Amino acid sequence: MVQFSDITGLLIVIVAISLVPFVAMVVTSYAKIVVVLGLLRNALGVQQVPPRTWCSTAWRYSCRCT
């Protein structure tokens, strides 16, 4: 066990330990939201990448499209 001579060190450790569950909940909630939105996008049939219309237009005019 860690021994502190002053109260500030103990307070910092308690705050750090109390933030661990909060961070874990935020991270797992973010992952769940990303998965659900990805499934919803696939279910609706939305394209993954928008079409590059400027490239097809440039191709017609013999421009180099990179």
Protein backbone atom coordinates (compact mmCIF):
# COMPACT_ATOMS: atom_id res chain seq x y z
CA MET A 1 0.00 0.00 0.00
CA VAL A 2 1.19 3.50 -0.79
CA GLN A 3 1.73 5.81 2.17
CA PHE A 4 1.42 9.57 1.75
CA SER A 5 2.55 12.13 4.27
CA ASP A 6 0.25 14.80 2.93
CA ILE A 7 -3.42 14.78 2.02
CA THR A 8 -2.92 16.11 -1.53
CA GLY A 9 -1.17 12.97 -2.73
CA LEU A 10 -3.92 10.79 -1.31
CA LEU A 11 -6.56 13.01 -2.88
CA ILE A 12 -4.89 12.74 -6.30
CA VAL A 13 -4.82 8.94 -6.07
CA ILE A 14 -8.49 8.78 -5.05
CA VAL A 15 -9.54 11.06 -7.92
CA ALA A 16 -7.49 9.04 -10.42
CA ILE A 17 -9.02 5.76 -9.23
CA SER A 18 -12.53 7.20 -9.33
CA LEU A 19 -12.10 8.34 -12.95
CA VAL A 20 -11.24 4.84 -14.23
CA PRO A 21 -14.87 3.56 -14.32
CA PHE A 22 -16.03 6.79 -15.97
CA VAL A 23 -13.43 6.50 -18.73
CA ALA A 24 -14.31 2.83 -19.25
CA MET A 25 -18.00 3.67 -19.65
CA VAL A 26 -17.30 6.50 -22.10
CA VAL A 27 -15.03 4.34 -24.26
CA THR A 28 -17.43 1.39 -24.42
CA SER A 29 -20.40 3.66 -25.13
CA TYR A 30 -18.51 5.27 -28.01
CA ALA A 31 -17.69 1.85 -29.47
CA LYS A 32 -21.33 0.76 -29.24
CA ILE A 33 -22.55 3.93 -30.95
CA VAL A 34 -20.03 3.52 -33.79
CA VAL A 35 -21.07 -0.11 -34.34
CA VAL A 36 -24.80 0.69 -34.31
CA LEU A 37 -24.41 3.61 -36.71
CA GLY A 38 -22.32 1.45 -39.03
CA LEU A 39 -24.98 -1.27 -39.04
CA LEU A 40 -27.67 1.34 -39.66
CA ARG A 41 -25.73 2.80 -42.59
CA ASN A 42 -25.36 -0.66 -44.13
CA ALA A 43 -29.03 -1.46 -43.56
CA LEU A 44 -30.12 1.75 -45.29
CA GLY A 45 -27.82 1.08 -48.22
CA VAL A 46 -25.93 4.36 -47.95
CA GLN A 47 -22.70 4.46 -49.93
CA GLN A 48 -19.49 4.18 -47.97
CA VAL A 49 -17.62 6.77 -50.06
CA PRO A 50 -19.28 9.59 -51.99
CA PRO A 51 -18.83 9.41 -55.76
CA ARG A 52 -15.99 11.42 -57.25
CA THR A 53 -17.91 13.37 -59.88
CA TRP A 54 -15.14 15.92 -60.34
CA CYS A 55 -12.78 13.12 -61.41
CA SER A 56 -15.17 11.72 -64.02
CA THR A 57 -15.74 15.24 -65.36
CA ALA A 58 -12.01 15.87 -65.55
CA TRP A 59 -11.54 12.56 -67.34
CA ARG A 60 -13.86 13.67 -70.12
CA TYR A 61 -11.67 16.68 -70.80
CA SER A 62 -8.49 14.55 -70.88
CA CYS A 63 -7.21 15.94 -67.59
CA ARG A 64 -5.01 13.86 -65.41
CA CYS A 65 -7.02 12.54 -62.50
CA THR A 66 -5.01 11.41 -59.49
